[in-house]
Each structure stands twice: as structure tokens, then as C-alpha cells.
């Protein structure tokens, strides 16, 4: 099985633009956490099956991504 931590593929959208689909990297943490903080409860549920009423959706997601710290 290939190492998925280095996965990357470029896809072309219908309108001609390109999009890179790749594995998350440690440097993505700040952006991912910012996106979670600015997402509505409905968006979190639809995209990640996490609700704002959960103990800490950000901590749960970091655990799933194996990011042990929220700040580094």
C-alpha cells in the first residue's frame, strides 16, 4: 500500500480551473482550526459529523487527525 501522507492529485473542474487534492500536512493545522472556528454548527455537522454542542469539536478533530496539540 502506498504512503497516503504524500498523496496529491490535480483535477480539472468543469469550468477549466484546476484543483489540488492532497493529504493534510502539519502546516495546515492553523487554517483547518480557523475554518472550524468560523463554521456554523450546521456546517460542522454536514462536513465532519461534529456538532458545536459536543465537548470540543476542535479537539475531537485534532484527535482524528493525530494532531496532539492545538497550538503547535
N, C-alpha and C. Protein backbone atom coordinates (compact mmCIF):
# COMPACT_ATOMS: atom_id res chain seq x y z
N UNK A 1 0.85 -1.19 0.00
CA UNK A 1 0.00 0.00 0.00
C UNK A 1 0.88 1.24 0.00
N UNK A 2 0.51 2.22 -0.77
CA UNK A 2 1.26 3.47 -0.85
C UNK A 2 1.13 4.28 0.43
N UNK A 3 2.12 5.15 0.66
CA UNK A 3 2.08 6.05 1.80
C UNK A 3 1.14 7.22 1.47
N UNK A 4 -0.02 7.23 2.07
CA UNK A 4 -1.03 8.26 1.76
C UNK A 4 -0.69 9.62 2.33
N UNK A 5 0.30 9.71 3.20
CA UNK A 5 0.67 11.01 3.76
C UNK A 5 1.28 11.93 2.69
N UNK A 6 1.63 11.37 1.55
CA UNK A 6 2.19 12.16 0.45
C UNK A 6 1.25 12.23 -0.74
N UNK A 7 -0.01 11.87 -0.54
CA UNK A 7 -0.98 11.83 -1.63
C UNK A 7 -1.23 13.23 -2.19
N UNK A 8 -1.24 13.32 -3.51
CA UNK A 8 -1.55 14.58 -4.18
C UNK A 8 -1.98 14.27 -5.61
N UNK A 9 -3.06 14.89 -6.04
CA UNK A 9 -3.55 14.74 -7.41
C UNK A 9 -4.15 16.06 -7.85
N UNK A 10 -3.95 16.40 -9.11
CA UNK A 10 -4.53 17.61 -9.69
C UNK A 10 -5.73 17.20 -10.54
N UNK A 11 -6.87 17.83 -10.31
CA UNK A 11 -8.09 17.56 -11.07
C UNK A 11 -8.53 18.84 -11.78
N UNK A 12 -9.17 18.69 -12.92
CA UNK A 12 -9.68 19.83 -13.66
C UNK A 12 -11.19 19.93 -13.43
N UNK A 13 -11.64 21.11 -13.06
CA UNK A 13 -13.07 21.36 -12.83
C UNK A 13 -13.77 21.60 -14.17
N UNK A 14 -15.08 21.55 -14.16
CA UNK A 14 -15.86 21.74 -15.39
C UNK A 14 -15.59 23.08 -16.06
N UNK A 15 -15.30 24.10 -15.25
CA UNK A 15 -15.07 25.43 -15.82
C UNK A 15 -13.61 25.62 -16.25
N UNK A 16 -12.79 24.57 -16.18
CA UNK A 16 -11.42 24.64 -16.65
C UNK A 16 -10.38 24.91 -15.58
N UNK A 17 -10.80 25.38 -14.40
CA UNK A 17 -9.84 25.61 -13.32
C UNK A 17 -9.31 24.28 -12.81
N UNK A 18 -8.14 24.33 -12.19
CA UNK A 18 -7.57 23.11 -11.61
C UNK A 18 -7.66 23.18 -10.09
N UNK A 19 -7.67 22.01 -9.49
CA UNK A 19 -7.80 21.88 -8.06
C UNK A 19 -6.86 20.77 -7.60
N UNK A 20 -6.08 21.04 -6.56
CA UNK A 20 -5.21 20.01 -6.00
C UNK A 20 -5.90 19.36 -4.81
N UNK A 21 -5.98 18.05 -4.82
CA UNK A 21 -6.49 17.27 -3.70
C UNK A 21 -5.28 16.58 -3.10
N UNK A 22 -5.01 16.86 -1.82
CA UNK A 22 -3.79 16.32 -1.22
C UNK A 22 -4.03 15.98 0.24
N UNK A 23 -3.09 15.23 0.78
CA UNK A 23 -3.13 14.88 2.20
C UNK A 23 -2.90 16.12 3.04
N UNK A 24 -3.49 16.12 4.22
CA UNK A 24 -3.23 17.21 5.16
C UNK A 24 -1.78 17.14 5.62
N UNK A 25 -1.20 18.31 5.80
CA UNK A 25 0.18 18.42 6.29
C UNK A 25 0.17 19.11 7.64
N UNK A 26 1.21 18.94 8.44
CA UNK A 26 1.25 19.62 9.74
C UNK A 26 1.06 21.14 9.63
N UNK A 27 1.54 21.74 8.57
CA UNK A 27 1.39 23.18 8.39
C UNK A 27 -0.03 23.63 8.09
N UNK A 28 -0.93 22.69 7.83
CA UNK A 28 -2.34 23.01 7.54
C UNK A 28 -3.15 23.24 8.80
N UNK A 29 -2.57 22.92 9.94
CA UNK A 29 -3.31 22.95 11.21
C UNK A 29 -3.97 24.29 11.49
N UNK A 30 -3.24 25.38 11.35
CA UNK A 30 -3.78 26.70 11.68
C UNK A 30 -5.00 27.01 10.81
N UNK A 31 -4.90 26.74 9.53
CA UNK A 31 -6.01 27.00 8.62
C UNK A 31 -7.22 26.12 8.90
N UNK A 32 -6.98 24.86 9.19
CA UNK A 32 -8.08 23.94 9.50
C UNK A 32 -8.79 24.38 10.77
N UNK A 33 -8.03 24.71 11.80
CA UNK A 33 -8.65 25.14 13.05
C UNK A 33 -9.40 26.45 12.89
N UNK A 34 -8.87 27.36 12.09
CA UNK A 34 -9.57 28.62 11.83
C UNK A 34 -10.88 28.36 11.09
N UNK A 35 -10.86 27.45 10.15
CA UNK A 35 -12.08 27.11 9.41
C UNK A 35 -13.13 26.52 10.33
N UNK A 36 -12.71 25.68 11.26
CA UNK A 36 -13.65 25.09 12.22
C UNK A 36 -14.25 26.17 13.10
N UNK A 37 -13.41 27.08 13.59
CA UNK A 37 -13.88 28.14 14.48
C UNK A 37 -14.88 29.07 13.80
N UNK A 38 -14.79 29.21 12.48
CA UNK A 38 -15.67 30.12 11.75
C UNK A 38 -16.84 29.39 11.08
N UNK A 39 -16.99 28.11 11.35
CA UNK A 39 -18.06 27.33 10.74
C UNK A 39 -19.29 27.30 11.64
N UNK A 40 -20.43 27.25 11.01
CA UNK A 40 -21.67 27.13 11.78
C UNK A 40 -21.82 25.70 12.28
N UNK A 41 -22.70 25.52 13.26
CA UNK A 41 -22.97 24.19 13.79
C UNK A 41 -23.48 23.28 12.68
N UNK A 42 -24.33 23.81 11.80
CA UNK A 42 -24.88 23.01 10.71
C UNK A 42 -23.78 22.58 9.73
N UNK A 43 -22.86 23.49 9.40
CA UNK A 43 -21.76 23.17 8.51
C UNK A 43 -20.85 22.11 9.11
N UNK A 44 -20.52 22.23 10.40
CA UNK A 44 -19.68 21.24 11.07
C UNK A 44 -20.34 19.86 11.03
N UNK A 45 -21.64 19.84 11.28
CA UNK A 45 -22.34 18.56 11.27
C UNK A 45 -22.34 17.94 9.89
N UNK A 46 -22.65 18.74 8.87
CA UNK A 46 -22.73 18.22 7.50
C UNK A 46 -21.37 17.76 6.96
N UNK A 47 -20.32 18.49 7.29
CA UNK A 47 -19.00 18.18 6.74
C UNK A 47 -18.22 17.18 7.57
N UNK A 48 -18.32 17.27 8.90
CA UNK A 48 -17.45 16.49 9.77
C UNK A 48 -18.21 15.62 10.76
N UNK A 49 -19.55 15.69 10.74
CA UNK A 49 -20.37 14.97 11.71
C UNK A 49 -20.03 15.37 13.14
N UNK A 50 -19.68 16.64 13.31
CA UNK A 50 -19.39 17.19 14.63
C UNK A 50 -20.38 18.30 14.91
N UNK A 51 -20.86 18.39 16.12
CA UNK A 51 -21.76 19.46 16.49
C UNK A 51 -21.10 20.40 17.48
N UNK A 52 -21.52 21.66 17.49
CA UNK A 52 -20.98 22.63 18.45
C UNK A 52 -21.33 22.23 19.88
N UNK A 53 -22.38 21.45 20.05
CA UNK A 53 -22.74 21.05 21.41
C UNK A 53 -21.82 19.96 21.95
N UNK A 54 -21.01 19.37 21.08
CA UNK A 54 -20.05 18.35 21.53
C UNK A 54 -19.04 19.00 22.47
N UNK A 55 -18.40 18.21 23.30
CA UNK A 55 -17.45 18.73 24.30
C UNK A 55 -16.46 19.70 23.67
N UNK A 56 -15.83 19.32 22.60
CA UNK A 56 -14.92 20.21 21.90
C UNK A 56 -14.70 19.67 20.50
N UNK A 57 -15.47 20.14 19.52
CA UNK A 57 -15.30 19.61 18.18
C UNK A 57 -13.88 19.82 17.64
N UNK A 58 -13.24 20.91 18.02
CA UNK A 58 -11.88 21.16 17.55
C UNK A 58 -10.94 20.12 18.11
N UNK A 59 -11.04 19.82 19.39
CA UNK A 59 -10.17 18.80 19.99
C UNK A 59 -10.45 17.42 19.40
N UNK A 60 -11.72 17.11 19.17
CA UNK A 60 -12.06 15.81 18.57
C UNK A 60 -11.47 15.68 17.19
N UNK A 61 -11.55 16.74 16.39
CA UNK A 61 -10.99 16.69 15.04
C UNK A 61 -9.48 16.55 15.09
N UNK A 62 -8.83 17.29 15.98
CA UNK A 62 -7.37 17.18 16.11
C UNK A 62 -6.98 15.76 16.49
N UNK A 63 -7.78 15.14 17.32
CA UNK A 63 -7.50 13.76 17.70
C UNK A 63 -7.62 12.84 16.49
N UNK A 64 -8.64 13.05 15.68
CA UNK A 64 -8.81 12.23 14.47
C UNK A 64 -7.66 12.43 13.50
N UNK A 65 -7.15 13.64 13.42
CA UNK A 65 -6.05 13.95 12.50
C UNK A 65 -4.68 13.64 13.12
N UNK A 66 -4.70 13.18 14.37
CA UNK A 66 -3.48 12.87 15.12
C UNK A 66 -2.61 14.11 15.33
N UNK A 67 -3.27 15.26 15.47
CA UNK A 67 -2.59 16.48 15.87
C UNK A 67 -2.72 16.55 17.37
N UNK A 68 -1.64 16.37 18.10
CA UNK A 68 -1.72 16.26 19.54
C UNK A 68 -1.87 17.58 20.26
N UNK A 69 -1.53 18.68 19.60
CA UNK A 69 -1.61 19.98 20.25
C UNK A 69 -2.41 20.93 19.38
N UNK A 70 -3.14 21.80 20.01
CA UNK A 70 -3.92 22.79 19.25
C UNK A 70 -3.10 24.00 18.88
N UNK A 71 -1.97 24.19 19.51
CA UNK A 71 -1.22 25.43 19.30
C UNK A 71 0.04 25.25 18.47
N UNK A 72 0.53 24.04 18.30
CA UNK A 72 1.75 23.83 17.53
C UNK A 72 1.51 22.93 16.36
